[in-house]
Amino acid sequence: MEATPKPRILIVDDDPVIVRLLQINFRLEGYEVDAASRGEEALLKVREHRPDVVVLDVMMPGLDGWEVARQLKANPAVSHIPVIFLSARAQDEDRQRGYALGVDEYVTKPFDPAHLVEIVRRALDRTKRA
């Protein structure tokens, strides 16, 4: 009997402390975890590894999260992958911009890692049902 593959999460954040915190939390929940610290690296990893969910910071050097999300949602090969923004930008217009780009959720920093794990779980459940 073949084991079901673990869901793969791609964490994209230029803060290594946040990346490490999320890696630990998602691995403890049984997820495979990849990480990228720049938008360009995130786009490469999405093409190479096809994550089941992308947790994406907005403010990063180089390609920011807005542009990464736009490119992911514009690419039919990966546009179905849920994108969850994780950002210090907490204004209503930032949230609206994120949802207009097609992100599934918009979580603001500081955040509760257990709550973020639950949001990812719900996003995975929705994609399984779709």
N, C-alpha and C. Protein backbone atom coordinates (compact mmCIF):
# COMPACT_ATOMS: atom_id res chain seq x y z
N MET A 1 0.84 -1.18 0.00
CA MET A 1 0.00 0.00 0.00
C MET A 1 0.89 1.25 0.00
N GLU A 2 0.59 2.16 -0.92
CA GLU A 2 1.41 3.36 -1.05
C GLU A 2 0.97 4.43 -0.06
N ALA A 3 1.92 5.06 0.57
CA ALA A 3 1.61 6.14 1.51
C ALA A 3 1.17 7.38 0.74
N THR A 4 0.23 8.09 1.29
CA THR A 4 -0.20 9.34 0.69
C THR A 4 0.92 10.35 0.85
N PRO A 5 1.29 11.05 -0.23
CA PRO A 5 2.36 12.04 -0.08
C PRO A 5 1.93 13.17 0.86
N LYS A 6 2.89 13.67 1.61
CA LYS A 6 2.62 14.79 2.51
C LYS A 6 2.37 16.04 1.68
N PRO A 7 1.44 16.88 2.10
CA PRO A 7 1.26 18.16 1.40
C PRO A 7 2.55 18.98 1.50
N ARG A 8 2.87 19.70 0.42
CA ARG A 8 4.09 20.50 0.36
C ARG A 8 3.73 21.98 0.46
N ILE A 9 4.38 22.65 1.41
CA ILE A 9 4.17 24.07 1.64
C ILE A 9 5.43 24.81 1.21
N LEU A 10 5.26 25.91 0.48
CA LEU A 10 6.38 26.79 0.16
C LEU A 10 6.21 28.05 0.99
N ILE A 11 7.21 28.32 1.84
CA ILE A 11 7.23 29.53 2.66
C ILE A 11 8.16 30.53 1.97
N VAL A 12 7.64 31.73 1.73
CA VAL A 12 8.45 32.77 1.07
C VAL A 12 8.48 33.98 1.98
N ASP A 13 9.64 34.23 2.58
CA ASP A 13 9.79 35.37 3.49
C ASP A 13 11.27 35.69 3.59
N ASP A 14 11.61 36.97 3.63
CA ASP A 14 13.02 37.36 3.72
C ASP A 14 13.50 37.41 5.16
N ASP A 15 12.64 37.09 6.14
CA ASP A 15 13.03 37.06 7.54
C ASP A 15 13.32 35.61 7.93
N PRO A 16 14.61 35.27 8.15
CA PRO A 16 14.95 33.87 8.45
C PRO A 16 14.32 33.35 9.74
N VAL A 17 14.02 34.23 10.69
CA VAL A 17 13.39 33.79 11.94
C VAL A 17 11.96 33.30 11.66
N ILE A 18 11.24 34.03 10.85
CA ILE A 18 9.87 33.62 10.49
C ILE A 18 9.90 32.34 9.68
N VAL A 19 10.82 32.24 8.73
CA VAL A 19 10.93 31.02 7.92
C VAL A 19 11.17 29.82 8.82
N ARG A 20 12.11 29.94 9.75
CA ARG A 20 12.44 28.82 10.64
C ARG A 20 11.24 28.45 11.52
N LEU A 21 10.58 29.45 12.09
CA LEU A 21 9.40 29.22 12.91
C LEU A 21 8.34 28.45 12.13
N LEU A 22 8.08 28.87 10.90
CA LEU A 22 7.05 28.21 10.09
C LEU A 22 7.50 26.82 9.65
N GLN A 23 8.77 26.66 9.31
CA GLN A 23 9.26 25.33 8.95
C GLN A 23 9.01 24.35 10.09
N ILE A 24 9.35 24.75 11.30
CA ILE A 24 9.17 23.87 12.46
C ILE A 24 7.69 23.54 12.65
N ASN A 25 6.84 24.56 12.64
CA ASN A 25 5.41 24.34 12.87
C ASN A 25 4.77 23.46 11.81
N PHE A 26 5.09 23.71 10.54
CA PHE A 26 4.48 22.89 9.48
C PHE A 26 5.03 21.47 9.47
N ARG A 27 6.31 21.30 9.74
CA ARG A 27 6.88 19.94 9.80
C ARG A 27 6.27 19.14 10.95
N LEU A 28 6.05 19.80 12.08
CA LEU A 28 5.42 19.12 13.22
C LEU A 28 4.01 18.65 12.86
N GLU A 29 3.36 19.33 11.94
CA GLU A 29 2.01 18.96 11.50
C GLU A 29 2.04 17.96 10.35
N GLY A 30 3.25 17.55 9.93
CA GLY A 30 3.35 16.51 8.90
C GLY A 30 3.48 17.00 7.48
N TYR A 31 3.81 18.26 7.28
CA TYR A 31 3.95 18.82 5.94
C TYR A 31 5.40 18.75 5.48
N GLU A 32 5.59 18.62 4.16
CA GLU A 32 6.89 18.86 3.54
C GLU A 32 7.01 20.37 3.41
N VAL A 33 8.19 20.92 3.67
CA VAL A 33 8.34 22.37 3.65
C VAL A 33 9.54 22.77 2.80
N ASP A 34 9.30 23.67 1.86
CA ASP A 34 10.36 24.34 1.10
C ASP A 34 10.34 25.80 1.52
N ALA A 35 11.45 26.49 1.32
CA ALA A 35 11.50 27.90 1.68
C ALA A 35 12.26 28.68 0.63
N ALA A 36 11.87 29.93 0.48
CA ALA A 36 12.55 30.87 -0.41
C ALA A 36 12.59 32.21 0.31
N SER A 37 13.66 32.97 0.09
CA SER A 37 13.78 34.27 0.77
C SER A 37 13.57 35.44 -0.19
N ARG A 38 13.38 35.14 -1.48
CA ARG A 38 13.18 36.19 -2.48
C ARG A 38 12.09 35.74 -3.46
N GLY A 39 11.43 36.71 -4.05
CA GLY A 39 10.35 36.41 -4.99
C GLY A 39 10.80 35.59 -6.19
N GLU A 40 11.96 35.94 -6.73
CA GLU A 40 12.47 35.22 -7.91
C GLU A 40 12.70 33.75 -7.57
N GLU A 41 13.26 33.50 -6.39
CA GLU A 41 13.51 32.13 -5.94
C GLU A 41 12.19 31.39 -5.74
N ALA A 42 11.19 32.09 -5.24
CA ALA A 42 9.88 31.47 -5.03
C ALA A 42 9.28 30.99 -6.34
N LEU A 43 9.35 31.80 -7.37
CA LEU A 43 8.78 31.41 -8.67
C LEU A 43 9.49 30.18 -9.22
N LEU A 44 10.82 30.12 -9.06
CA LEU A 44 11.57 28.93 -9.49
C LEU A 44 11.13 27.69 -8.72
N LYS A 45 11.00 27.82 -7.41
CA LYS A 45 10.62 26.66 -6.59
C LYS A 45 9.21 26.19 -6.90
N VAL A 46 8.32 27.11 -7.22
CA VAL A 46 6.96 26.70 -7.60
C VAL A 46 7.01 25.87 -8.87
N ARG A 47 7.81 26.30 -9.84
CA ARG A 47 7.93 25.53 -11.09
C ARG A 47 8.57 24.17 -10.85
N GLU A 48 9.59 24.12 -10.00
CA GLU A 48 10.32 22.87 -9.76
C GLU A 48 9.55 21.88 -8.90
N HIS A 49 8.90 22.35 -7.83
CA HIS A 49 8.36 21.45 -6.82
C HIS A 49 6.84 21.42 -6.73
N ARG A 50 6.16 22.33 -7.40
CA ARG A 50 4.70 22.39 -7.36
C ARG A 50 4.13 22.21 -5.96
N PRO A 51 4.30 23.22 -5.10
CA PRO A 51 3.77 23.09 -3.74
C PRO A 51 2.24 23.02 -3.77
N ASP A 52 1.68 22.55 -2.68
CA ASP A 52 0.23 22.50 -2.54
C ASP A 52 -0.33 23.83 -2.03
N VAL A 53 0.51 24.60 -1.33
CA VAL A 53 0.14 25.92 -0.81
C VAL A 53 1.39 26.79 -0.78
N VAL A 54 1.23 28.09 -1.07
CA VAL A 54 2.33 29.05 -0.94
C VAL A 54 1.96 30.05 0.16
N VAL A 55 2.83 30.17 1.17
CA VAL A 55 2.69 31.19 2.21
C VAL A 55 3.69 32.28 1.85
N LEU A 56 3.17 33.47 1.54
CA LEU A 56 3.97 34.49 0.85
C LEU A 56 3.98 35.82 1.59
N ASP A 57 5.18 36.30 1.92
CA ASP A 57 5.35 37.64 2.48
C ASP A 57 5.11 38.66 1.38
N VAL A 58 4.64 39.84 1.74
CA VAL A 58 4.42 40.89 0.76
C VAL A 58 5.69 41.71 0.52
N MET A 59 6.30 42.18 1.60
CA MET A 59 7.44 43.09 1.46
C MET A 59 8.75 42.31 1.48
N MET A 60 9.37 42.20 0.30
CA MET A 60 10.65 41.51 0.14
C MET A 60 11.49 42.29 -0.86
N PRO A 61 12.80 42.15 -0.79
CA PRO A 61 13.65 42.78 -1.81
C PRO A 61 13.44 42.08 -3.16
N GLY A 62 13.75 42.79 -4.23
CA GLY A 62 13.56 42.20 -5.56
C GLY A 62 12.07 42.13 -5.86
N LEU A 63 11.63 40.99 -6.39
CA LEU A 63 10.20 40.81 -6.66
C LEU A 63 9.46 40.74 -5.33
N ASP A 64 8.51 41.63 -5.11
CA ASP A 64 7.76 41.57 -3.86
C ASP A 64 6.61 40.56 -3.98
N GLY A 65 5.92 40.35 -2.86
CA GLY A 65 4.85 39.38 -2.84
C GLY A 65 3.70 39.72 -3.78
N TRP A 66 3.43 41.02 -3.98
CA TRP A 66 2.37 41.41 -4.92
C TRP A 66 2.67 40.84 -6.31
N GLU A 67 3.91 41.03 -6.76
CA GLU A 67 4.28 40.60 -8.10
C GLU A 67 4.35 39.08 -8.19
N VAL A 68 4.86 38.42 -7.16
CA VAL A 68 4.91 36.96 -7.16
C VAL A 68 3.49 36.40 -7.26
N ALA A 69 2.57 36.92 -6.45
CA ALA A 69 1.18 36.45 -6.49
C ALA A 69 0.57 36.70 -7.86
N ARG A 70 0.83 37.88 -8.42
CA ARG A 70 0.27 38.20 -9.75
C ARG A 70 0.75 37.18 -10.79
N GLN A 71 2.06 36.88 -10.77
CA GLN A 71 2.61 35.94 -11.75
C GLN A 71 2.07 34.53 -11.53
N LEU A 72 1.94 34.11 -10.27
CA LEU A 72 1.40 32.78 -10.01
C LEU A 72 -0.03 32.66 -10.50
N LYS A 73 -0.85 33.66 -10.20
CA LYS A 73 -2.27 33.60 -10.57
C LYS A 73 -2.46 33.78 -12.08
N ALA A 74 -1.48 34.38 -12.77
CA ALA A 74 -1.58 34.56 -14.22
C ALA A 74 -1.11 33.33 -14.99
N ASN A 75 -0.46 32.38 -14.32
CA ASN A 75 0.08 31.19 -14.97
C ASN A 75 -0.91 30.03 -14.81
N PRO A 76 -1.57 29.60 -15.90
CA PRO A 76 -2.58 28.54 -15.78
C PRO A 76 -2.05 27.24 -15.18
N ALA A 77 -0.76 26.97 -15.32
CA ALA A 77 -0.18 25.73 -14.80
C ALA A 77 -0.15 25.70 -13.27
N VAL A 78 -0.12 26.87 -12.64
CA VAL A 78 0.00 26.91 -11.18
C VAL A 78 -1.05 27.82 -10.52
N SER A 79 -1.95 28.39 -11.30
CA SER A 79 -2.90 29.36 -10.73
C SER A 79 -3.85 28.74 -9.72
N HIS A 80 -3.99 27.42 -9.73
CA HIS A 80 -4.88 26.73 -8.78
C HIS A 80 -4.26 26.61 -7.38
N ILE A 81 -2.96 26.83 -7.26
CA ILE A 81 -2.28 26.67 -5.97
C ILE A 81 -2.72 27.81 -5.04
N PRO A 82 -3.25 27.47 -3.86
CA PRO A 82 -3.65 28.53 -2.92
C PRO A 82 -2.43 29.36 -2.48
N VAL A 83 -2.64 30.67 -2.43
CA VAL A 83 -1.62 31.59 -1.96
C VAL A 83 -2.17 32.28 -0.71
N ILE A 84 -1.38 32.24 0.36
CA ILE A 84 -1.76 32.90 1.60
C ILE A 84 -0.72 33.98 1.87
N PHE A 85 -1.17 35.24 1.87
CA PHE A 85 -0.27 36.33 2.20
C PHE A 85 -0.03 36.36 3.71
N LEU A 86 1.22 36.58 4.09
CA LEU A 86 1.61 36.77 5.48
C LEU A 86 2.39 38.07 5.51
N SER A 87 1.78 39.12 6.05
CA SER A 87 2.37 40.45 5.88
C SER A 87 2.20 41.34 7.09
N ALA A 88 3.17 42.24 7.26
CA ALA A 88 3.05 43.28 8.28
C ALA A 88 2.13 44.40 7.79
N ARG A 89 1.83 44.40 6.49
CA ARG A 89 0.94 45.42 5.93
C ARG A 89 -0.50 45.05 6.28
N ALA A 90 -1.10 45.82 7.20
CA ALA A 90 -2.40 45.43 7.74
C ALA A 90 -3.53 46.38 7.36
N GLN A 91 -3.28 47.30 6.44
CA GLN A 91 -4.33 48.24 6.04
C GLN A 91 -5.40 47.54 5.19
N ASP A 92 -6.62 48.05 5.25
CA ASP A 92 -7.70 47.47 4.45
C ASP A 92 -7.36 47.45 2.96
N GLU A 93 -6.72 48.53 2.49
CA GLU A 93 -6.40 48.57 1.05
C GLU A 93 -5.38 47.49 0.68
N ASP A 94 -4.49 47.14 1.60
CA ASP A 94 -3.54 46.05 1.33
C ASP A 94 -4.28 44.72 1.22
N ARG A 95 -5.19 44.48 2.16
CA ARG A 95 -5.99 43.24 2.12
C ARG A 95 -6.79 43.17 0.81
N GLN A 96 -7.44 44.29 0.48
CA GLN A 96 -8.25 44.32 -0.75
C GLN A 96 -7.39 44.06 -1.98
N ARG A 97 -6.21 44.63 -2.00
CA ARG A 97 -5.29 44.41 -3.13
C ARG A 97 -4.92 42.93 -3.21
N GLY A 98 -4.64 42.30 -2.06
CA GLY A 98 -4.31 40.88 -2.04
C GLY A 98 -5.44 40.03 -2.57
N TYR A 99 -6.65 40.27 -2.06
CA TYR A 99 -7.80 39.48 -2.52
C TYR A 99 -8.09 39.72 -4.00
N ALA A 100 -7.87 40.95 -4.46
CA ALA A 100 -8.07 41.25 -5.88
C ALA A 100 -7.09 40.48 -6.76
N LEU A 101 -5.89 40.20 -6.22
CA LEU A 101 -4.90 39.40 -6.95
C LEU A 101 -5.27 37.91 -6.97
N GLY A 102 -6.20 37.52 -6.10
CA GLY A 102 -6.61 36.13 -6.06
C GLY A 102 -6.03 35.32 -4.91
N VAL A 103 -5.42 36.00 -3.91
CA VAL A 103 -4.90 35.22 -2.78
C VAL A 103 -6.07 34.67 -1.98
N ASP A 104 -5.85 33.53 -1.34
CA ASP A 104 -6.92 32.85 -0.61
C ASP A 104 -7.15 33.44 0.77
N GLU A 105 -6.07 33.84 1.42
CA GLU A 105 -6.17 34.42 2.76
C GLU A 105 -5.11 35.51 2.89
N TYR A 106 -5.35 36.43 3.83
CA TYR A 106 -4.40 37.50 4.10
C TYR A 106 -4.22 37.55 5.62
N VAL A 107 -3.07 37.09 6.09
CA VAL A 107 -2.77 37.01 7.52
C VAL A 107 -1.76 38.11 7.85
N THR A 108 -2.01 38.84 8.93
CA THR A 108 -1.10 39.93 9.28
C THR A 108 -0.15 39.52 10.40
N LYS A 109 1.05 40.09 10.33
CA LYS A 109 2.07 39.91 11.38
C LYS A 109 1.84 40.98 12.44
N PRO A 110 2.04 40.69 13.70
CA PRO A 110 2.43 39.38 14.25
C PRO A 110 1.27 38.39 14.11
N PHE A 111 1.60 37.11 14.09
CA PHE A 111 0.59 36.09 13.84
C PHE A 111 0.81 34.91 14.78
N ASP A 112 -0.22 34.11 14.89
CA ASP A 112 -0.17 32.89 15.70
C ASP A 112 0.14 31.73 14.75
N PRO A 113 1.30 31.07 14.90
CA PRO A 113 1.65 29.97 13.99
C PRO A 113 0.59 28.88 13.92
N ALA A 114 -0.04 28.56 15.05
CA ALA A 114 -1.07 27.51 15.04
C ALA A 114 -2.27 27.95 14.21
N HIS A 115 -2.61 29.23 14.27
CA HIS A 115 -3.71 29.75 13.45
C HIS A 115 -3.35 29.67 11.96
N LEU A 116 -2.11 30.00 11.63
CA LEU A 116 -1.67 29.92 10.23
C LEU A 116 -1.71 28.47 9.73
N VAL A 117 -1.30 27.53 10.55
CA VAL A 117 -1.38 26.11 10.18
C VAL A 117 -2.83 25.73 9.87
N GLU A 118 -3.76 26.21 10.69
CA GLU A 118 -5.17 25.92 10.46
C GLU A 118 -5.67 26.55 9.16
N ILE A 119 -5.24 27.76 8.85
CA ILE A 119 -5.63 28.41 7.59
C ILE A 119 -5.12 27.60 6.41
N VAL A 120 -3.88 27.13 6.50
CA VAL A 120 -3.31 26.30 5.42
C VAL A 120 -4.10 25.00 5.28
N ARG A 121 -4.44 24.39 6.40
CA ARG A 121 -5.21 23.14 6.37
C ARG A 121 -6.55 23.36 5.65
N ARG A 122 -7.22 24.47 5.97
CA ARG A 122 -8.50 24.77 5.31
C ARG A 122 -8.32 25.00 3.82
N ALA A 123 -7.25 25.70 3.44
CA ALA A 123 -6.98 25.93 2.01
C ALA A 123 -6.74 24.61 1.29
N LEU A 124 -6.03 23.69 1.92
CA LEU A 124 -5.79 22.37 1.32
C LEU A 124 -7.10 21.59 1.18
N ASP A 125 -7.95 21.67 2.19
CA ASP A 125 -9.25 20.99 2.14
C ASP A 125 -10.09 21.52 0.99
N ARG A 126 -10.08 22.86 0.80
CA ARG A 126 -10.85 23.45 -0.30
C ARG A 126 -10.34 22.98 -1.65
N THR A 127 -9.02 22.87 -1.82
CA THR A 127 -8.48 22.45 -3.12
C THR A 127 -8.76 20.97 -3.37
N LYS A 128 -8.82 20.15 -2.32
CA LYS A 128 -9.16 18.73 -2.50
C LYS A 128 -10.60 18.57 -2.97
N ARG A 129 -11.48 19.43 -2.45
CA ARG A 129 -12.91 19.35 -2.82
C ARG A 129 -13.18 19.93 -4.19
N ALA A 130 -12.33 20.85 -4.64
CA ALA A 130 -12.59 21.56 -5.91
C ALA A 130 -12.39 20.64 -7.11
